[in-house]
Amino acid sequence: MSAQGPSSDPAFRRRIVLTSLAGLAIAGAVGAFEHHAHNRPPRKQPDGQYRKLKLIWPHSDTAPVLAVAYQKGFFARYSLDVESIFSPQNGNEALDALAAGTGDYAVAPALTWLPRLYGGLPASLILGIQPGTFRLLVRRGANITRLDQLVGRTVAMPDKNAADKFFFAIMMRRKGINAMGGITWTDMPADQMVDSARAHTIDAVVAHDPLAWQLLNSHADLFSELVGSNTGHYADRTSLILGASKTALDTDPDAATALTLALRDAAKWANQHRDEAAILVADESSDFSTDAMRAMLHHQPAISPVTGHALRDQMAQYCDELQLIGQLPDTEAASAIARRSTRNVLNG
């Protein structure tokens, strides 16, 4: 009886066939990936040129991403010399400054940007820097334990910062509550809120950090937090948005690319090093100790920058919600408004 070689062994032949099929499958997958990668728009690279830019950022002295961008060298990494203009007190004032040509770039909440862009502000949104930090604080003793109990009450918001109001109006509209018409909203400087709450002339406050955090923690006997954006699906959505004027995008698009990359990298670093970011902010702020800033940052959502399609999709969701509360007309699709309002400056 002659010995049987491996090539005539049926089990061996089956292994050869299976191995060949696996190889073909892998080759096909690699080919598909290469085809997809070949057809994907190339990632734009910074050109390395030195630039001086003016960035309008309200309350920039308490902004962790901005502090990191300066003090950890992220602006310098992209050859940027950035002058921060922080005199605006809220997003609307920042966009007024952008419209007046005070700077070419501005940071404001998405809920502030989108109605202004729809109204004709010549700018585009290019980077979602981080989620919102909105908090609805109710006065202890006002017997408010549910959102519907705010109807007919007086709610203060700081200095006409519409984003705070819009955020909670949207949250309540989702629950069938007409907050825009059913609540008495009152603009109030931050330094008057505590006295007004103690005098029972207001029943609640809508604000965002750091003001909301300061009110909640410095006056725990007076305020409690009913709801906010720091948990649930709201915590995953970007809110603080970098936008660029049309003039800047048309005359020097590479500058927008460099600034987007610098702030994107700074945001990622700040999220991974919150304790050190707190130190950097406290060094720049007279209102916050390092411990207070550290505590606040650890009670906020992950700092997750958003660009490109993801940014456009999230802005479409905001547009849809603004339509729900009558801040954008519903005669145009939310996705179309978002597409017109955003630009991907990282695509080559």
C-alpha atoms as a PDB file:
ATOM      1  CA  MET A   1       0.000   0.000   0.000  1.00  0.00           C
ATOM      2  CA  SER A   2       1.523   3.267  -1.099  1.00  0.00           C
ATOM      3  CA  ALA A   3       1.722   6.271   1.239  1.00  0.00           C
ATOM      4  CA  GLN A   4      -0.793   9.032   0.491  1.00  0.00           C
ATOM      5  CA  GLY A   5       0.765  12.547   0.006  1.00  0.00           C
ATOM      6  CA  PRO A   6      -0.762  15.682   1.585  1.00  0.00           C
ATOM      7  CA  SER A   7      -2.052  16.906  -1.788  1.00  0.00           C
ATOM      8  CA  SER A   8      -4.286  13.842  -2.099  1.00  0.00           C
ATOM      9  CA  ASP A   9      -5.627  14.106   1.473  1.00  0.00           C
ATOM     10  CA  PRO A  10      -9.316  15.310   1.286  1.00  0.00           C
ATOM     11  CA  ALA A  11      -9.043  17.185   4.593  1.00  0.00           C
ATOM     12  CA  PHE A  12      -5.918  18.937   3.335  1.00  0.00           C
ATOM     13  CA  ARG A  13      -7.665  19.941   0.128  1.00  0.00           C
ATOM     14  CA  ARG A  14     -10.598  21.389   2.134  1.00  0.00           C
ATOM     15  CA  ARG A  15      -8.170  23.471   4.197  1.00  0.00           C
ATOM     16  CA  ILE A  16      -6.571  24.777   0.991  1.00  0.00           C
ATOM     17  CA  VAL A  17      -9.975  25.769  -0.430  1.00  0.00           C
ATOM     18  CA  LEU A  18     -11.093  27.475   2.788  1.00  0.00           C
ATOM     19  CA  THR A  19      -7.792  29.330   3.092  1.00  0.00           C
ATOM     20  CA  SER A  20      -8.081  30.502  -0.508  1.00  0.00           C
ATOM     21  CA  LEU A  21     -11.638  31.712   0.045  1.00  0.00           C
ATOM     22  CA  ALA A  22     -10.590  33.568   3.191  1.00  0.00           C
ATOM     23  CA  GLY A  23      -7.774  35.191   1.271  1.00  0.00           C
ATOM     24  CA  LEU A  24     -10.155  36.307  -1.447  1.00  0.00           C
ATOM     25  CA  ALA A  25     -12.519  37.746   1.168  1.00  0.00           C
ATOM     26  CA  ILE A  26      -9.712  39.687   2.824  1.00  0.00           C
ATOM     27  CA  ALA A  27      -8.455  40.923  -0.518  1.00  0.00           C
ATOM     28  CA  GLY A  28     -11.952  42.058  -1.438  1.00  0.00           C
ATOM     29  CA  ALA A  29     -12.350  43.907   1.860  1.00  0.00           C
ATOM     30  CA  VAL A  30      -8.988  45.595   1.459  1.00  0.00           C
ATOM     31  CA  GLY A  31      -9.858  46.568  -2.100  1.00  0.00           C
ATOM     32  CA  ALA A  32     -13.185  48.027  -0.987  1.00  0.00           C
ATOM     33  CA  PHE A  33     -11.486  49.980   1.810  1.00  0.00           C
ATOM     34  CA  GLU A  34      -8.846  51.310  -0.600  1.00  0.00           C
ATOM     35  CA  HIS A  35     -11.550  52.285  -3.071  1.00  0.00           C
ATOM     36  CA  HIS A  36     -13.512  54.071  -0.313  1.00  0.00           C
ATOM     37  CA  ALA A  37     -10.393  55.798   0.978  1.00  0.00           C
ATOM     38  CA  HIS A  38      -9.437  56.803  -2.558  1.00  0.00           C
ATOM     39  CA  ASN A  39     -12.841  58.392  -3.109  1.00  0.00           C
ATOM     40  CA  ARG A  40     -13.025  60.060   0.325  1.00  0.00           C
ATOM     41  CA  PRO A  41     -12.246  63.809   0.233  1.00  0.00           C
ATOM     42  CA  PRO A  42      -8.647  64.307   1.377  1.00  0.00           C
ATOM     43  CA  ARG A  43      -8.097  65.743   4.844  1.00  0.00           C
ATOM     44  CA  LYS A  44      -6.893  69.302   4.537  1.00  0.00           C
ATOM     45  CA  GLN A  45      -3.522  70.029   6.125  1.00  0.00           C
ATOM     46  CA  PRO A  46      -2.466  73.366   7.647  1.00  0.00           C
ATOM     47  CA  ASP A  47      -0.050  75.348   5.495  1.00  0.00           C
ATOM     48  CA  GLY A  48       2.129  76.428   8.451  1.00  0.00           C
ATOM     49  CA  GLN A  49       2.007  80.148   7.652  1.00  0.00           C
ATOM     50  CA  TYR A  50       2.088  82.609  10.555  1.00  0.00           C
ATOM     51  CA  ARG A  51      -1.210  84.407  11.095  1.00  0.00           C
ATOM     52  CA  LYS A  52      -2.697  86.902  13.521  1.00  0.00           C
ATOM     53  CA  LEU A  53      -6.389  86.305  14.165  1.00  0.00           C
ATOM     54  CA  LYS A  54      -9.071  87.958  16.273  1.00  0.00           C
ATOM     55  CA  LEU A  55     -11.416  85.584  18.093  1.00  0.00           C
ATOM     56  CA  ILE A  56     -14.581  86.838  19.821  1.00  0.00           C
ATOM     57  CA  TRP A  57     -15.314  84.617  22.836  1.00  0.00           C
ATOM     58  CA  PRO A  58     -17.672  85.780  25.635  1.00  0.00           C
ATOM     59  CA  HIS A  59     -16.305  85.183  29.146  1.00  0.00           C
ATOM     60  CA  SER A  60     -13.155  83.716  27.695  1.00  0.00           C
ATOM     61  CA  ASP A  61     -11.431  83.917  31.083  1.00  0.00           C
ATOM     62  CA  THR A  62     -13.461  80.902  32.240  1.00  0.00           C
ATOM     63  CA  ALA A  63     -13.239  78.855  29.024  1.00  0.00           C
ATOM     64  CA  PRO A  64     -11.110  75.716  29.576  1.00  0.00           C
ATOM     65  CA  VAL A  65     -10.548  74.957  25.884  1.00  0.00           C
ATOM     66  CA  LEU A  66      -9.331  78.483  25.207  1.00  0.00           C
ATOM     67  CA  ALA A  67      -7.035  78.446  28.241  1.00  0.00           C
ATOM     68  CA  VAL A  68      -5.547  75.155  27.067  1.00  0.00           C
ATOM     69  CA  ALA A  69      -5.133  76.414  23.496  1.00  0.00           C
ATOM     70  CA  TYR A  70      -3.074  79.351  24.750  1.00  0.00           C
ATOM     71  CA  GLN A  71      -1.111  77.870  27.620  1.00  0.00           C
ATOM     72  CA  LYS A  72      -0.356  74.420  26.215  1.00  0.00           C
ATOM     73  CA  GLY A  73       0.780  75.799  22.863  1.00  0.00           C
ATOM     74  CA  PHE A  74      -1.961  74.578  20.536  1.00  0.00           C
ATOM     75  CA  PHE A  75      -2.300  77.943  18.820  1.00  0.00           C
ATOM     76  CA  ALA A  76       1.469  78.146  18.430  1.00  0.00           C
ATOM     77  CA  ARG A  77       1.540  74.614  17.005  1.00  0.00           C
ATOM     78  CA  TYR A  78      -0.502  75.885  14.066  1.00  0.00           C
ATOM     79  CA  SER A  79       1.454  79.167  13.760  1.00  0.00           C
ATOM     80  CA  LEU A  80      -1.417  81.251  15.114  1.00  0.00           C
ATOM     81  CA  ASP A  81      -1.182  84.465  17.110  1.00  0.00           C
ATOM     82  CA  VAL A  82      -4.737  84.752  18.467  1.00  0.00           C
ATOM     83  CA  GLU A  83      -6.156  87.849  20.122  1.00  0.00           C
ATOM     84  CA  SER A  84      -9.207  87.032  22.220  1.00  0.00           C
ATOM     85  CA  ILE A  85     -11.950  89.633  22.360  1.00  0.00           C
ATOM     86  CA  PHE A  86     -13.972  88.842  25.465  1.00  0.00           C
ATOM     87  CA  SER A  87     -15.896  92.063  26.107  1.00  0.00           C
ATOM     88  CA  PRO A  88     -19.199  90.568  24.826  1.00  0.00           C
ATOM     89  CA  GLN A  89     -21.287  89.248  27.720  1.00  0.00           C
ATOM     90  CA  ASN A  90     -23.208  86.608  25.792  1.00  0.00           C
ATOM     91  CA  GLY A  91     -23.546  84.902  22.438  1.00  0.00           C
ATOM     92  CA  ASN A  92     -25.759  87.559  20.882  1.00  0.00           C
ATOM     93  CA  GLU A  93     -23.255  90.281  21.700  1.00  0.00           C
ATOM     94  CA  ALA A  94     -20.464  88.124  20.276  1.00  0.00           C
ATOM     95  CA  LEU A  95     -22.352  87.797  16.997  1.00  0.00           C
ATOM     96  CA  ASP A  96     -23.063  91.530  16.970  1.00  0.00           C
ATOM     97  CA  ALA A  97     -19.296  92.058  17.231  1.00  0.00           C
ATOM     98  CA  LEU A  98     -18.696  89.594  14.406  1.00  0.00           C
ATOM     99  CA  ALA A  99     -21.220  91.400  12.218  1.00  0.00           C
ATOM    100  CA  ALA A 100     -19.499  94.709  12.990  1.00  0.00           C
ATOM    101  CA  GLY A 101     -16.140  93.324  11.879  1.00  0.00           C
ATOM    102  CA  THR A 102     -14.547  93.378  15.347  1.00  0.00           C
ATOM    103  CA  GLY A 103     -13.139  89.944  14.587  1.00  0.00           C
ATOM    104  CA  ASP A 104     -13.363  87.275  11.905  1.00  0.00           C
ATOM    105  CA  TYR A 105     -14.181  84.376  14.241  1.00  0.00           C
ATOM    106  CA  ALA A 106     -16.692  84.062  17.067  1.00  0.00           C
ATOM    107  CA  VAL A 107     -17.858  81.495  19.597  1.00  0.00           C
ATOM    108  CA  ALA A 108     -21.515  81.285  20.672  1.00  0.00           C
ATOM    109  CA  PRO A 109     -24.141  78.627  21.464  1.00  0.00           C
ATOM    110  CA  ALA A 110     -25.730  76.813  18.520  1.00  0.00           C
ATOM    111  CA  LEU A 111     -29.161  78.052  19.621  1.00  0.00           C
ATOM    112  CA  THR A 112     -27.888  81.618  19.303  1.00  0.00           C
ATOM    113  CA  TRP A 113     -26.037  81.110  16.023  1.00  0.00           C
ATOM    114  CA  LEU A 114     -28.736  79.432  13.970  1.00  0.00           C
ATOM    115  CA  PRO A 115     -31.491  82.101  14.092  1.00  0.00           C
ATOM    116  CA  ARG A 116     -28.888  84.791  13.386  1.00  0.00           C
ATOM    117  CA  LEU A 117     -27.477  82.878  10.411  1.00  0.00           C
ATOM    118  CA  TYR A 118     -30.972  82.324   9.053  1.00  0.00           C
ATOM    119  CA  GLY A 119     -31.579  86.049   9.450  1.00  0.00           C
ATOM    120  CA  GLY A 120     -28.646  86.835   7.169  1.00  0.00           C
ATOM    121  CA  LEU A 121     -25.524  86.991   9.344  1.00  0.00           C
ATOM    122  CA  PRO A 122     -22.711  86.312   6.820  1.00  0.00           C
ATOM    123  CA  ALA A 123     -20.879  83.473   8.546  1.00  0.00           C
ATOM    124  CA  SER A 124     -20.611  79.686   8.697  1.00  0.00           C
ATOM    125  CA  LEU A 125     -20.263  77.222  11.576  1.00  0.00           C
ATOM    126  CA  ILE A 126     -17.018  75.232  11.407  1.00  0.00           C
ATOM    127  CA  LEU A 127     -16.401  73.524  14.775  1.00  0.00           C
ATOM    128  CA  GLY A 128     -18.511  72.279  17.665  1.00  0.00           C
ATOM    129  CA  ILE A 129     -16.209  72.838  20.631  1.00  0.00           C
ATOM    130  CA  GLN A 130     -18.096  71.245  23.512  1.00  0.00           C
ATOM    131  CA  PRO A 131     -21.587  70.382  24.794  1.00  0.00           C
ATOM    132  CA  GLY A 132     -23.769  72.857  26.626  1.00  0.00           C
ATOM    133  CA  THR A 133     -23.841  73.346  30.377  1.00  0.00           C
ATOM    134  CA  PHE A 134     -27.400  74.629  30.794  1.00  0.00           C
ATOM    135  CA  ARG A 135     -29.080  74.369  34.193  1.00  0.00           C
ATOM    136  CA  LEU A 136     -32.587  75.194  35.348  1.00  0.00           C
ATOM    137  CA  LEU A 137     -32.442  76.228  38.995  1.00  0.00           C
ATOM    138  CA  VAL A 138     -35.647  76.515  41.021  1.00  0.00           C
ATOM    139  CA  ARG A 139     -36.091  78.510  44.172  1.00  0.00           C
ATOM    140  CA  ARG A 140     -36.372  76.350  47.248  1.00  0.00           C
ATOM    141  CA  GLY A 141     -39.807  76.819  48.744  1.00  0.00           C
ATOM    142  CA  ALA A 142     -41.426  77.542  45.374  1.00  0.00           C
ATOM    143  CA  ASN A 143     -42.821  73.979  45.302  1.00  0.00           C
ATOM    144  CA  ILE A 144     -41.574  73.295  41.781  1.00  0.00           C
ATOM    145  CA  THR A 145     -40.696  69.648  41.269  1.00  0.00           C
ATOM    146  CA  ARG A 146     -41.855  69.198  37.653  1.00  0.00           C
ATOM    147  CA  LEU A 147     -41.387  71.217  34.479  1.00  0.00           C
ATOM    148  CA  ASP A 148     -45.120  71.788  34.002  1.00  0.00           C
ATOM    149  CA  GLN A 149     -45.216  73.574  37.361  1.00  0.00           C
ATOM    150  CA  LEU A 150     -43.190  76.408  35.802  1.00  0.00           C
ATOM    151  CA  VAL A 151     -46.188  77.505  33.741  1.00  0.00           C
ATOM    152  CA  GLY A 152     -47.438  80.820  35.086  1.00  0.00           C
ATOM    153  CA  ARG A 153     -44.205  81.386  37.047  1.00  0.00           C
ATOM    154  CA  THR A 154     -41.475  84.000  36.624  1.00  0.00           C
ATOM    155  CA  VAL A 155     -38.142  82.697  35.352  1.00  0.00           C
ATOM    156  CA  ALA A 156     -35.024  84.861  35.128  1.00  0.00           C
ATOM    157  CA  MET A 157     -32.346  84.577  32.473  1.00  0.00           C
ATOM    158  CA  PRO A 158     -29.073  86.487  32.431  1.00  0.00           C
ATOM    159  CA  ASP A 159     -28.621  89.456  30.131  1.00  0.00           C
ATOM    160  CA  LYS A 160     -30.865  88.376  27.264  1.00  0.00           C
ATOM    161  CA  ASN A 161     -28.879  85.196  26.671  1.00  0.00           C
ATOM    162  CA  ALA A 162     -31.506  83.584  24.472  1.00  0.00           C
ATOM    163  CA  ALA A 163     -29.790  80.187  24.297  1.00  0.00           C
ATOM    164  CA  ASP A 164     -30.577  79.456  27.958  1.00  0.00           C
ATOM    165  CA  LYS A 165     -34.254  80.205  27.397  1.00  0.00           C
ATOM    166  CA  PHE A 166     -34.450  78.348  24.077  1.00  0.00           C
ATOM    167  CA  PHE A 167     -32.833  75.204  25.453  1.00  0.00           C
ATOM    168  CA  PHE A 168     -35.396  74.735  28.210  1.00  0.00           C
ATOM    169  CA  ALA A 169     -38.284  75.901  26.032  1.00  0.00           C
ATOM    170  CA  ILE A 170     -37.375  73.088  23.635  1.00  0.00           C
ATOM    171  CA  MET A 171     -37.099  70.577  26.473  1.00  0.00           C
ATOM    172  CA  MET A 172     -40.552  71.595  27.721  1.00  0.00           C
ATOM    173  CA  ARG A 173     -42.073  71.653  24.221  1.00  0.00           C
ATOM    174  CA  ARG A 174     -41.041  68.012  23.866  1.00  0.00           C
ATOM    175  CA  LYS A 175     -43.252  67.360  26.905  1.00  0.00           C
ATOM    176  CA  GLY A 176     -46.176  69.337  25.505  1.00  0.00           C
ATOM    177  CA  ILE A 177     -45.524  72.481  27.547  1.00  0.00           C
ATOM    178  CA  ASN A 178     -45.721  75.912  25.905  1.00  0.00           C
ATOM    179  CA  ALA A 179     -42.830  77.568  27.705  1.00  0.00           C
ATOM    180  CA  MET A 180     -42.465  80.445  25.240  1.00  0.00           C
ATOM    181  CA  GLY A 181     -45.958  81.718  25.968  1.00  0.00           C
ATOM    182  CA  GLY A 182     -46.801  80.140  29.308  1.00  0.00           C
ATOM    183  CA  ILE A 183     -43.853  81.392  31.378  1.00  0.00           C
ATOM    184  CA  THR A 184     -43.006  84.956  32.332  1.00  0.00           C
ATOM    185  CA  TRP A 185     -39.385  85.289  31.196  1.00  0.00           C
ATOM    186  CA  THR A 186     -37.421  88.188  32.610  1.00  0.00           C
ATOM    187  CA  ASP A 187     -33.970  89.439  31.654  1.00  0.00           C
ATOM    188  CA  MET A 188     -31.921  90.027  34.774  1.00  0.00           C
ATOM    189  CA  PRO A 189     -28.285  90.810  35.510  1.00  0.00           C
ATOM    190  CA  ALA A 190     -26.610  87.960  37.329  1.00  0.00           C
ATOM    191  CA  ASP A 191     -25.839  90.047  40.407  1.00  0.00           C
ATOM    192  CA  GLN A 192     -29.567  90.650  40.983  1.00  0.00           C
ATOM    193  CA  MET A 193     -30.728  87.043  40.819  1.00  0.00           C
ATOM    194  CA  VAL A 194     -29.967  86.061  44.397  1.00  0.00           C
ATOM    195  CA  ASP A 195     -31.742  89.055  45.913  1.00  0.00           C
ATOM    196  CA  SER A 196     -34.725  88.580  43.586  1.00  0.00           C
ATOM    197  CA  ALA A 197     -35.008  84.922  44.527  1.00  0.00           C
ATOM    198  CA  ARG A 198     -34.833  85.759  48.241  1.00  0.00           C
ATOM    199  CA  ALA A 199     -37.545  88.373  47.703  1.00  0.00           C
ATOM    200  CA  HIS A 200     -39.668  85.743  45.880  1.00  0.00           C
ATOM    201  CA  THR A 201     -39.955  87.958  42.787  1.00  0.00           C
ATOM    202  CA  ILE A 202     -38.567  85.132  40.650  1.00  0.00           C
ATOM    203  CA  ASP A 203     -39.285  81.424  40.954  1.00  0.00           C
ATOM    204  CA  ALA A 204     -36.458  80.000  38.864  1.00  0.00           C
ATOM    205  CA  VAL A 205     -33.340  80.802  36.869  1.00  0.00           C
ATOM    206  CA  VAL A 206     -32.130  79.441  33.532  1.00  0.00           C
ATOM    207  CA  ALA A 207     -28.397  79.886  33.002  1.00  0.00           C
ATOM    208  CA  HIS A 208     -25.270  78.052  31.956  1.00  0.00           C
ATOM    209  CA  ASP A 209     -21.931  77.477  33.634  1.00  0.00           C
ATOM    210  CA  PRO A 210     -20.029  79.126  35.156  1.00  0.00           C
ATOM    211  CA  LEU A 211     -22.885  81.353  36.388  1.00  0.00           C
ATOM    212  CA  ALA A 212     -25.302  78.467  36.942  1.00  0.00           C
ATOM    213  CA  TRP A 213     -22.658  76.501  38.831  1.00  0.00           C
ATOM    214  CA  GLN A 214     -21.835  79.489  41.031  1.00  0.00           C
ATOM    215  CA  LEU A 215     -25.490  80.126  41.880  1.00  0.00           C
ATOM    216  CA  LEU A 216     -26.109  76.477  42.659  1.00  0.00           C
ATOM    217  CA  ASN A 217     -23.054  75.953  44.834  1.00  0.00           C
ATOM    218  CA  SER A 218     -22.702  79.338  46.505  1.00  0.00           C
ATOM    219  CA  HIS A 219     -26.397  79.533  47.355  1.00  0.00           C
ATOM    220  CA  ALA A 220     -27.392  75.927  47.979  1.00  0.00           C
ATOM    221  CA  ASP A 221     -29.897  77.133  50.592  1.00  0.00           C
ATOM    222  CA  LEU A 222     -31.717  79.107  47.897  1.00  0.00           C
ATOM    223  CA  PHE A 223     -31.519  77.086  44.660  1.00  0.00           C
ATOM    224  CA  SER A 224     -31.777  73.463  43.588  1.00  0.00           C
ATOM    225  CA  GLU A 225     -31.265  72.091  40.084  1.00  0.00           C
ATOM    226  CA  LEU A 226     -34.432  70.743  38.482  1.00  0.00           C
ATOM    227  CA  VAL A 227     -33.061  69.690  35.072  1.00  0.00           C
ATOM    228  CA  GLY A 228     -30.045  70.400  32.912  1.00  0.00           C
ATOM    229  CA  SER A 229     -28.026  69.449  29.854  1.00  0.00           C
ATOM    230  CA  ASN A 230     -25.260  67.631  31.709  1.00  0.00           C
ATOM    231  CA  THR A 231     -26.865  64.183  31.633  1.00  0.00           C
ATOM    232  CA  GLY A 232     -28.688  61.963  29.157  1.00  0.00           C
ATOM    233  CA  HIS A 233     -28.620  62.470  25.405  1.00  0.00           C
ATOM    234  CA  TYR A 234     -28.231  66.232  25.801  1.00  0.00           C
ATOM    235  CA  ALA A 235     -24.754  65.675  27.232  1.00  0.00           C
ATOM    236  CA  ASP A 236     -23.639  64.129  23.934  1.00  0.00           C
ATOM    237  CA  ARG A 237     -24.645  67.103  21.784  1.00  0.00           C
ATOM    238  CA  THR A 238     -22.326  69.934  20.937  1.00  0.00           C
ATOM    239  CA  SER A 239     -23.456  73.439  21.857  1.00  0.00           C
ATOM    240  CA  LEU A 240     -20.586  75.927  21.961  1.00  0.00           C
ATOM    241  CA  ILE A 241     -19.778  76.570  18.307  1.00  0.00           C
ATOM    242  CA  LEU A 242     -16.928  78.291  16.476  1.00  0.00           C
ATOM    243  CA  GLY A 243     -18.035  80.226  13.420  1.00  0.00           C
ATOM    244  CA  ALA A 244     -16.143  82.188  10.778  1.00  0.00           C
ATOM    245  CA  SER A 245     -17.230  85.210   8.783  1.00  0.00           C
ATOM    246  CA  LYS A 246     -17.802  84.720   5.065  1.00  0.00           C
ATOM    247  CA  THR A 247     -15.069  87.252   4.400  1.00  0.00           C
ATOM    248  CA  ALA A 248     -12.523  85.239   6.383  1.00  0.00           C
ATOM    249  CA  LEU A 249     -13.529  81.985   4.700  1.00  0.00           C
ATOM    250  CA  ASP A 250     -13.319  83.517   1.241  1.00  0.00           C
ATOM    251  CA  THR A 251     -10.051  85.411   1.676  1.00  0.00           C
ATOM    252  CA  ASP A 252      -8.055  82.943   3.779  1.00  0.00           C
ATOM    253  CA  PRO A 253      -9.701  79.527   4.179  1.00  0.00           C
ATOM    254  CA  ASP A 254      -6.424  78.045   5.455  1.00  0.00           C
ATOM    255  CA  ALA A 255      -6.665  80.281   8.522  1.00  0.00           C
ATOM    256  CA  ALA A 256     -10.025  78.717   9.382  1.00  0.00           C
ATOM    257  CA  THR A 257      -8.488  75.275   8.970  1.00  0.00           C
ATOM    258  CA  ALA A 258      -5.624  76.104  11.319  1.00  0.00           C
ATOM    259  CA  LEU A 259      -7.895  77.619  13.981  1.00  0.00           C
ATOM    260  CA  THR A 260     -10.274  74.660  13.797  1.00  0.00           C
ATOM    261  CA  LEU A 261      -7.424  72.192  14.237  1.00  0.00           C
ATOM    262  CA  ALA A 262      -5.914  74.153  17.122  1.00  0.00           C
ATOM    263  CA  LEU A 263      -9.181  74.352  19.068  1.00  0.00           C
ATOM    264  CA  ARG A 264     -10.098  70.762  18.216  1.00  0.00           C
ATOM    265  CA  ASP A 265      -6.789  69.522  19.625  1.00  0.00           C
ATOM    266  CA  ALA A 266      -7.102  71.778  22.666  1.00  0.00           C
ATOM    267  CA  ALA A 267     -10.612  70.452  23.343  1.00  0.00           C
ATOM    268  CA  LYS A 268      -9.401  66.854  23.245  1.00  0.00           C
ATOM    269  CA  TRP A 269      -6.524  67.690  25.596  1.00  0.00           C
ATOM    270  CA  ALA A 270      -8.804  69.560  28.019  1.00  0.00           C
ATOM    271  CA  ASN A 271     -11.148  66.594  28.191  1.00  0.00           C
ATOM    272  CA  GLN A 272      -8.322  64.184  28.997  1.00  0.00           C
ATOM    273  CA  HIS A 273      -6.634  66.512  31.526  1.00  0.00           C
ATOM    274  CA  ARG A 274      -9.485  68.202  33.371  1.00  0.00           C
ATOM    275  CA  ASP A 275      -7.582  68.788  36.588  1.00  0.00           C
ATOM    276  CA  GLU A 276      -4.761  70.551  34.782  1.00  0.00           C
ATOM    277  CA  ALA A 277      -7.239  72.481  32.639  1.00  0.00           C
ATOM    278  CA  ALA A 278      -8.896  73.681  35.856  1.00  0.00           C
ATOM    279  CA  ILE A 279      -5.563  75.051  37.070  1.00  0.00           C
ATOM    280  CA  LEU A 280      -5.030  76.881  33.783  1.00  0.00           C
ATOM    281  CA  VAL A 281      -8.462  78.503  33.935  1.00  0.00           C
ATOM    282  CA  ALA A 282      -8.157  79.428  37.606  1.00  0.00           C
ATOM    283  CA  ASP A 283      -4.868  81.161  36.825  1.00  0.00           C
ATOM    284  CA  GLU A 284      -6.737  83.441  34.409  1.00  0.00           C
ATOM    285  CA  SER A 285      -9.910  83.999  36.451  1.00  0.00           C
ATOM    286  CA  SER A 286     -10.380  86.103  39.555  1.00  0.00           C
ATOM    287  CA  ASP A 287     -13.773  84.533  40.274  1.00  0.00           C
ATOM    288  CA  PHE A 288     -12.768  80.892  40.537  1.00  0.00           C
ATOM    289  CA  SER A 289     -10.382  78.979  42.753  1.00  0.00           C
ATOM    290  CA  THR A 290      -8.687  75.904  41.336  1.00  0.00           C
ATOM    291  CA  ASP A 291     -10.824  73.623  43.527  1.00  0.00           C
ATOM    292  CA  ALA A 292     -14.051  75.288  42.402  1.00  0.00           C
ATOM    293  CA  MET A 293     -13.073  75.109  38.748  1.00  0.00           C
ATOM    294  CA  ARG A 294     -12.007  71.480  39.092  1.00  0.00           C
ATOM    295  CA  ALA A 295     -15.327  70.565  40.703  1.00  0.00           C
ATOM    296  CA  MET A 296     -17.283  72.328  37.960  1.00  0.00           C
ATOM    297  CA  LEU A 297     -15.366  70.694  35.109  1.00  0.00           C
ATOM    298  CA  HIS A 298     -15.825  67.244  36.632  1.00  0.00           C
ATOM    299  CA  HIS A 299     -19.599  67.813  36.721  1.00  0.00           C
ATOM    300  CA  GLN A 300     -19.813  68.754  33.044  1.00  0.00           C
ATOM    301  CA  PRO A 301     -20.169  66.484  29.974  1.00  0.00           C
ATOM    302  CA  ALA A 302     -17.196  65.217  28.014  1.00  0.00           C
ATOM    303  CA  ILE A 303     -15.526  67.936  25.950  1.00  0.00           C
ATOM    304  CA  SER A 304     -15.906  66.416  22.496  1.00  0.00           C
ATOM    305  CA  PRO A 305     -15.175  68.531  19.383  1.00  0.00           C
ATOM    306  CA  VAL A 306     -17.366  67.991  16.305  1.00  0.00           C
ATOM    307  CA  THR A 307     -16.731  68.877  12.641  1.00  0.00           C
ATOM    308  CA  GLY A 308     -17.933  67.982   9.151  1.00  0.00           C
ATOM    309  CA  HIS A 309     -21.005  65.819   8.639  1.00  0.00           C
ATOM    310  CA  ALA A 310     -21.453  65.229  12.366  1.00  0.00           C
ATOM    311  CA  LEU A 311     -21.622  68.972  12.988  1.00  0.00           C
ATOM    312  CA  ARG A 312     -24.097  69.485  10.160  1.00  0.00           C
ATOM    313  CA  ASP A 313     -26.328  66.652  11.435  1.00  0.00           C
ATOM    314  CA  GLN A 314     -26.392  68.065  14.948  1.00  0.00           C
ATOM    315  CA  MET A 315     -27.186  71.543  13.651  1.00  0.00           C
ATOM    316  CA  ALA A 316     -30.093  70.051  11.678  1.00  0.00           C
ATOM    317  CA  GLN A 317     -31.464  68.669  14.931  1.00  0.00           C
ATOM    318  CA  TYR A 318     -31.170  72.089  16.550  1.00  0.00           C
ATOM    319  CA  CYS A 319     -32.910  73.683  13.545  1.00  0.00           C
ATOM    320  CA  ASP A 320     -35.777  71.237  13.893  1.00  0.00           C
ATOM    321  CA  GLU A 321     -36.103  72.109  17.578  1.00  0.00           C
ATOM    322  CA  LEU A 322     -35.957  75.851  16.930  1.00  0.00           C
ATOM    323  CA  GLN A 323     -38.796  75.363  14.461  1.00  0.00           C
ATOM    324  CA  LEU A 324     -40.800  73.692  17.238  1.00  0.00           C
ATOM    325  CA  ILE A 325     -40.657  76.837  19.377  1.00  0.00           C
ATOM    326  CA  GLY A 326     -41.138  79.293  16.525  1.00  0.00           C
ATOM    327  CA  GLN A 327     -37.568  80.615  16.338  1.00  0.00           C
ATOM    328  CA  LEU A 328     -37.058  79.348  12.786  1.00  0.00           C
ATOM    329  CA  PRO A 329     -39.784  79.099  10.122  1.00  0.00           C
ATOM    330  CA  ASP A 330     -40.947  75.607   9.235  1.00  0.00           C
ATOM    331  CA  THR A 331     -41.258  76.456   5.546  1.00  0.00           C
ATOM    332  CA  GLU A 332     -37.800  75.021   4.877  1.00  0.00           C
ATOM    333  CA  ALA A 333     -36.351  71.650   5.861  1.00  0.00           C
ATOM    334  CA  ALA A 334     -34.136  71.749   8.932  1.00  0.00           C
ATOM    335  CA  SER A 335     -31.474  69.772   7.065  1.00  0.00           C
ATOM    336  CA  ALA A 336     -31.321  72.421   4.334  1.00  0.00           C
ATOM    337  CA  ILE A 337     -30.877  75.230   6.863  1.00  0.00           C
ATOM    338  CA  ALA A 338     -28.119  73.263   8.584  1.00  0.00           C
ATOM    339  CA  ARG A 339     -26.342  72.549   5.313  1.00  0.00           C
ATOM    340  CA  ARG A 340     -26.370  76.232   4.426  1.00  0.00           C
ATOM    341  CA  SER A 341     -25.171  77.224   7.910  1.00  0.00           C
ATOM    342  CA  THR A 342     -22.132  74.946   8.171  1.00  0.00           C
ATOM    343  CA  ARG A 343     -18.873  74.397   6.330  1.00  0.00           C
ATOM    344  CA  ASN A 344     -16.277  71.642   6.581  1.00  0.00           C
ATOM    345  CA  VAL A 345     -12.939  73.475   6.534  1.00  0.00           C
ATOM    346  CA  LEU A 346     -10.997  70.236   7.046  1.00  0.00           C
ATOM    347  CA  ASN A 347     -11.791  68.791   3.635  1.00  0.00           C
ATOM    348  CA  GLY A 348      -9.137  69.320   0.976  1.00  0.00           C
END
